[in-house]
PDB file of all heavy atoms in Angstrom:
ATOM      1  N   HIS A   1     101.145  73.290 102.155  1.00  0.00           N
ATOM      2  CA  HIS A   1     102.371  73.418 101.359  1.00  0.00           C
ATOM      3  C   HIS A   1     102.234  72.758  99.983  1.00  0.00           C
ATOM      4  O   HIS A   1     103.230  72.506  99.310  1.00  0.00           O
ATOM      5  CB  HIS A   1     103.549  72.797 102.096  1.00  0.00           C
ATOM      6  CG  HIS A   1     103.821  73.448 103.412  1.00  0.00           C
ATOM      7  ND1 HIS A   1     104.236  74.757 103.532  1.00  0.00           N
ATOM      8  CD2 HIS A   1     103.702  72.980 104.679  1.00  0.00           C
ATOM      9  CE1 HIS A   1     104.374  75.062 104.800  1.00  0.00           C
ATOM     10  NE2 HIS A   1     104.048  73.996 105.519  1.00  0.00           N
ATOM     11  N   THR A   2     100.995  72.463  99.586  1.00  0.00           N
ATOM     12  CA  THR A   2     100.753  71.747  98.332  1.00  0.00           C
ATOM     13  C   THR A   2      99.819  72.548  97.427  1.00  0.00           C
ATOM     14  O   THR A   2      98.896  73.195  97.908  1.00  0.00           O
ATOM     15  CB  THR A   2     100.108  70.370  98.623  1.00  0.00           C
ATOM     16  OG1 THR A   2     100.945  69.650  99.535  1.00  0.00           O
ATOM     17  CG2 THR A   2      99.924  69.556  97.356  1.00  0.00           C
ATOM     18  N   ALA A   3     100.065  72.476  96.132  1.00  0.00           N
ATOM     19  CA  ALA A   3      99.174  73.082  95.133  1.00  0.00           C
ATOM     20  C   ALA A   3      98.898  72.055  94.044  1.00  0.00           C
ATOM     21  O   ALA A   3      99.697  71.147  93.816  1.00  0.00           O
ATOM     22  CB  ALA A   3      99.802  74.333  94.526  1.00  0.00           C
ATOM     23  N   MET A   4      97.757  72.216  93.381  1.00  0.00           N
ATOM     24  CA  MET A   4      97.385  71.371  92.249  1.00  0.00           C
ATOM     25  C   MET A   4      97.284  72.247  91.017  1.00  0.00           C
ATOM     26  O   MET A   4      96.642  73.302  91.049  1.00  0.00           O
ATOM     27  CB  MET A   4      96.038  70.685  92.502  1.00  0.00           C
ATOM     28  CG  MET A   4      95.494  69.889  91.319  1.00  0.00           C
ATOM     29  SD  MET A   4      96.528  68.464  90.948  1.00  0.00           S
ATOM     30  CE  MET A   4      95.990  68.065  89.299  1.00  0.00           C
ATOM     31  N   LEU A   5      97.898  71.808  89.939  1.00  0.00           N
ATOM     32  CA  LEU A   5      97.863  72.522  88.672  1.00  0.00           C
ATOM     33  C   LEU A   5      97.126  71.674  87.651  1.00  0.00           C
ATOM     34  O   LEU A   5      97.500  70.529  87.408  1.00  0.00           O
ATOM     35  CB  LEU A   5      99.292  72.799  88.191  1.00  0.00           C
ATOM     36  CG  LEU A   5      99.451  73.369  86.793  1.00  0.00           C
ATOM     37  CD1 LEU A   5      98.771  74.720  86.677  1.00  0.00           C
ATOM     38  CD2 LEU A   5     100.919  73.467  86.443  1.00  0.00           C
ATOM     39  N   GLY A   6      96.066  72.226  87.067  1.00  0.00           N
ATOM     40  CA  GLY A   6      95.310  71.484  86.082  1.00  0.00           C
ATOM     41  C   GLY A   6      94.534  72.391  85.151  1.00  0.00           C
ATOM     42  O   GLY A   6      94.543  73.614  85.302  1.00  0.00           O
ATOM     43  N   ASP A   7      93.839  71.770  84.202  1.00  0.00           N
ATOM     44  CA  ASP A   7      93.090  72.544  83.208  1.00  0.00           C
ATOM     45  C   ASP A   7      91.581  72.344  83.304  1.00  0.00           C
ATOM     46  O   ASP A   7      90.846  72.943  82.530  1.00  0.00           O
ATOM     47  CB  ASP A   7      93.557  72.178  81.794  1.00  0.00           C
ATOM     48  CG  ASP A   7      93.181  70.763  81.407  1.00  0.00           C
ATOM     49  OD1 ASP A   7      93.465  69.828  82.170  1.00  0.00           O
ATOM     50  OD2 ASP A   7      92.587  70.584  80.329  1.00  0.00           O
ATOM     51  N   LYS A   8      91.123  71.512  84.238  1.00  0.00           N
ATOM     52  CA  LYS A   8      89.677  71.246  84.327  1.00  0.00           C
ATOM     53  C   LYS A   8      89.143  71.529  85.723  1.00  0.00           C
ATOM     54  O   LYS A   8      89.721  71.111  86.733  1.00  0.00           O
ATOM     55  CB  LYS A   8      89.385  69.800  83.947  1.00  0.00           C
ATOM     56  CG  LYS A   8      89.599  69.542  82.464  1.00  0.00           C
ATOM     57  CD  LYS A   8      88.949  68.260  82.026  1.00  0.00           C
ATOM     58  CE  LYS A   8      89.115  68.037  80.548  1.00  0.00           C
ATOM     59  NZ  LYS A   8      90.482  68.069  80.074  1.00  0.00           N
ATOM     60  N   LEU A   9      87.995  72.201  85.748  1.00  0.00           N
ATOM     61  CA  LEU A   9      87.354  72.518  87.022  1.00  0.00           C
ATOM     62  C   LEU A   9      86.793  71.291  87.719  1.00  0.00           C
ATOM     63  O   LEU A   9      86.921  71.149  88.935  1.00  0.00           O
ATOM     64  CB  LEU A   9      86.201  73.512  86.801  1.00  0.00           C
ATOM     65  CG  LEU A   9      86.567  74.917  86.379  1.00  0.00           C
ATOM     66  CD1 LEU A   9      85.304  75.714  86.087  1.00  0.00           C
ATOM     67  CD2 LEU A   9      87.389  75.604  87.436  1.00  0.00           C
ATOM     68  N   LEU A  10      86.144  70.413  86.957  1.00  0.00           N
ATOM     69  CA  LEU A  10      85.418  69.296  87.570  1.00  0.00           C
ATOM     70  C   LEU A  10      86.319  68.196  88.108  1.00  0.00           C
ATOM     71  O   LEU A  10      85.855  67.344  88.863  1.00  0.00           O
ATOM     72  CB  LEU A  10      84.422  68.706  86.572  1.00  0.00           C
ATOM     73  CG  LEU A  10      83.269  69.626  86.196  1.00  0.00           C
ATOM     74  CD1 LEU A  10      82.405  68.996  85.116  1.00  0.00           C
ATOM     75  CD2 LEU A  10      82.425  69.986  87.412  1.00  0.00           C
ATOM     76  N   THR A  11      87.572  68.197  87.743  1.00  0.00           N
ATOM     77  CA  THR A  11      88.493  67.192  88.280  1.00  0.00           C
ATOM     78  C   THR A  11      89.598  67.857  89.084  1.00  0.00           C
ATOM     79  O   THR A  11      89.689  67.659  90.293  1.00  0.00           O
ATOM     80  CB  THR A  11      89.100  66.338  87.151  1.00  0.00           C
ATOM     81  OG1 THR A  11      89.682  67.197  86.163  1.00  0.00           O
ATOM     82  CG2 THR A  11      88.054  65.448  86.518  1.00  0.00           C
ATOM     83  N   ASP A  12      90.400  68.671  88.436  1.00  0.00           N
ATOM     84  CA  ASP A  12      91.587  69.243  89.074  1.00  0.00           C
ATOM     85  C   ASP A  12      91.254  70.266  90.166  1.00  0.00           C
ATOM     86  O   ASP A  12      91.726  70.153  91.295  1.00  0.00           O
ATOM     87  CB  ASP A  12      92.485  69.887  88.013  1.00  0.00           C
ATOM     88  CG  ASP A  12      92.832  68.935  86.887  1.00  0.00           C
ATOM     89  OD1 ASP A  12      93.189  67.780  87.185  1.00  0.00           O
ATOM     90  OD2 ASP A  12      92.734  69.330  85.712  1.00  0.00           O
ATOM     91  N   VAL A  13      90.440  71.247  89.831  1.00  0.00           N
ATOM     92  CA  VAL A  13      90.125  72.309  90.788  1.00  0.00           C
ATOM     93  C   VAL A  13      89.238  71.783  91.920  1.00  0.00           C
ATOM     94  O   VAL A  13      89.531  71.998  93.095  1.00  0.00           O
ATOM     95  CB  VAL A  13      89.468  73.526  90.096  1.00  0.00           C
ATOM     96  CG1 VAL A  13      88.953  74.539  91.105  1.00  0.00           C
ATOM     97  CG2 VAL A  13      90.471  74.190  89.149  1.00  0.00           C
ATOM     98  N   LEU A  14      88.181  71.085  91.573  1.00  0.00           N
ATOM     99  CA  LEU A  14      87.288  70.550  92.608  1.00  0.00           C
ATOM    100  C   LEU A  14      88.041  69.599  93.537  1.00  0.00           C
ATOM    101  O   LEU A  14      87.901  69.670  94.757  1.00  0.00           O
ATOM    102  CB  LEU A  14      86.089  69.844  91.978  1.00  0.00           C
ATOM    103  CG  LEU A  14      85.091  69.214  92.953  1.00  0.00           C
ATOM    104  CD1 LEU A  14      84.526  70.253  93.919  1.00  0.00           C
ATOM    105  CD2 LEU A  14      83.962  68.532  92.179  1.00  0.00           C
ATOM    106  N   GLY A  15      88.864  68.727  92.986  1.00  0.00           N
ATOM    107  CA  GLY A  15      89.643  67.809  93.816  1.00  0.00           C
ATOM    108  C   GLY A  15      90.613  68.538  94.731  1.00  0.00           C
ATOM    109  O   GLY A  15      90.791  68.170  95.894  1.00  0.00           O
ATOM    110  N   ALA A  16      91.251  69.581  94.207  1.00  0.00           N
ATOM    111  CA  ALA A  16      92.164  70.373  95.029  1.00  0.00           C
ATOM    112  C   ALA A  16      91.412  71.035  96.178  1.00  0.00           C
ATOM    113  O   ALA A  16      91.848  70.986  97.336  1.00  0.00           O
ATOM    114  CB  ALA A  16      92.862  71.430  94.173  1.00  0.00           C
ATOM    115  N   LYS A  17      90.281  71.635  95.873  1.00  0.00           N
ATOM    116  CA  LYS A  17      89.487  72.302  96.906  1.00  0.00           C
ATOM    117  C   LYS A  17      89.027  71.301  97.968  1.00  0.00           C
ATOM    118  O   LYS A  17      89.081  71.588  99.163  1.00  0.00           O
ATOM    119  CB  LYS A  17      88.279  73.001  96.283  1.00  0.00           C
ATOM    120  CG  LYS A  17      88.634  74.146  95.373  1.00  0.00           C
ATOM    121  CD  LYS A  17      89.204  75.288  96.160  1.00  0.00           C
ATOM    122  CE  LYS A  17      89.324  76.528  95.312  1.00  0.00           C
ATOM    123  NZ  LYS A  17      89.536  77.717  96.116  1.00  0.00           N
ATOM    124  N   ARG A  18      88.574  70.140  97.521  1.00  0.00           N
ATOM    125  CA  ARG A  18      88.119  69.111  98.466  1.00  0.00           C
ATOM    126  C   ARG A  18      89.264  68.602  99.330  1.00  0.00           C
ATOM    127  O   ARG A  18      89.056  68.151 100.450  1.00  0.00           O
ATOM    128  CB  ARG A  18      87.486  67.941  97.709  1.00  0.00           C
ATOM    129  CG  ARG A  18      86.177  68.330  97.028  1.00  0.00           C
ATOM    130  CD  ARG A  18      85.546  67.156  96.326  1.00  0.00           C
ATOM    131  NE  ARG A  18      85.068  66.214  97.339  1.00  0.00           N
ATOM    132  CZ  ARG A  18      85.058  64.892  97.185  1.00  0.00           C
ATOM    133  NH1 ARG A  18      85.490  64.352  96.076  1.00  0.00           N
ATOM    134  NH2 ARG A  18      84.607  64.119  98.147  1.00  0.00           N
ATOM    135  N   SER A  19      90.484  68.684  98.813  1.00  0.00           N
ATOM    136  CA  SER A  19      91.665  68.220  99.547  1.00  0.00           C
ATOM    137  C   SER A  19      92.310  69.311 100.380  1.00  0.00           C
ATOM    138  O   SER A  19      93.307  69.059 101.057  1.00  0.00           O
ATOM    139  CB  SER A  19      92.696  67.645  98.554  1.00  0.00           C
ATOM    140  OG  SER A  19      92.128  66.574  97.833  1.00  0.00           O
ATOM    141  N   GLY A  20      91.787  70.525 100.285  1.00  0.00           N
ATOM    142  CA  GLY A  20      92.321  71.631 101.075  1.00  0.00           C
ATOM    143  C   GLY A  20      93.618  72.206 100.558  1.00  0.00           C
ATOM    144  O   GLY A  20      94.393  72.785 101.318  1.00  0.00           O
ATOM    145  N   ILE A  21      93.866  72.057  99.253  1.00  0.00           N
ATOM    146  CA  ILE A  21      95.103  72.581  98.688  1.00  0.00           C
ATOM    147  C   ILE A  21      94.815  73.687  97.677  1.00  0.00           C
ATOM    148  O   ILE A  21      93.703  73.823  97.183  1.00  0.00           O
ATOM    149  CB  ILE A  21      95.964  71.472  98.053  1.00  0.00           C
ATOM    150  CG1 ILE A  21      95.275  70.818  96.864  1.00  0.00           C
ATOM    151  CG2 ILE A  21      96.312  70.405  99.091  1.00  0.00           C
ATOM    152  CD1 ILE A  21      96.134  69.760  96.174  1.00  0.00           C
ATOM    153  N   LEU A  22      95.838  74.476  97.384  1.00  0.00           N
ATOM    154  CA  LEU A  22      95.737  75.586  96.448  1.00  0.00           C
ATOM    155  C   LEU A  22      95.443  75.065  95.047  1.00  0.00           C
ATOM    156  O   LEU A  22      96.099  74.139  94.566  1.00  0.00           O
ATOM    157  CB  LEU A  22      97.052  76.363  96.448  1.00  0.00           C
ATOM    158  CG  LEU A  22      97.093  77.691  95.709  1.00  0.00           C
ATOM    159  CD1 LEU A  22      96.239  78.725  96.437  1.00  0.00           C
ATOM    160  CD2 LEU A  22      98.528  78.179  95.603  1.00  0.00           C
ATOM    161  N   ALA A  23      94.448  75.648  94.381  1.00  0.00           N
ATOM    162  CA  ALA A  23      94.030  75.212  93.049  1.00  0.00           C
ATOM    163  C   ALA A  23      94.503  76.211  91.995  1.00  0.00           C
ATOM    164  O   ALA A  23      94.034  77.347  91.952  1.00  0.00           O
ATOM    165  CB  ALA A  23      92.511  75.076  92.993  1.00  0.00           C
ATOM    166  N   LEU A  24      95.441  75.771  91.155  1.00  0.00           N
ATOM    167  CA  LEU A  24      95.974  76.588  90.071  1.00  0.00           C
ATOM    168  C   LEU A  24      95.430  76.033  88.757  1.00  0.00           C
ATOM    169  O   LEU A  24      95.458  74.833  88.530  1.00  0.00           O
ATOM    170  CB  LEU A  24      97.510  76.512  90.052  1.00  0.00           C
ATOM    171  CG  LEU A  24      98.219  76.788  91.377  1.00  0.00           C
ATOM    172  CD1 LEU A  24      99.722  76.599  91.219  1.00  0.00           C
ATOM    173  CD2 LEU A  24      97.893  78.180  91.892  1.00  0.00           C
ATOM    174  N   MET A  25      94.974  76.928  87.907  1.00  0.00           N
ATOM    175  CA  MET A  25      94.354  76.482  86.658  1.00  0.00           C
ATOM    176  C   MET A  25      95.022  77.134  85.455  1.00  0.00           C
ATOM    177  O   MET A  25      95.359  78.317  85.486  1.00  0.00           O
ATOM    178  CB  MET A  25      92.873  76.821  86.664  1.00  0.00           C
ATOM    179  CG  MET A  25      92.125  76.255  85.492  1.00  0.00           C
ATOM    180  SD  MET A  25      90.358  76.518  85.697  1.00  0.00           S
ATOM    181  CE  MET A  25      89.771  75.632  84.292  1.00  0.00           C
TER     182      MET A  25
END
């Protein structure tokens, strides 16, 4: 039920993926 919104792959997207949450960029 959680998503992460960010502008960087190496922090926001990778962290979201590692945490099992939806990665929005």
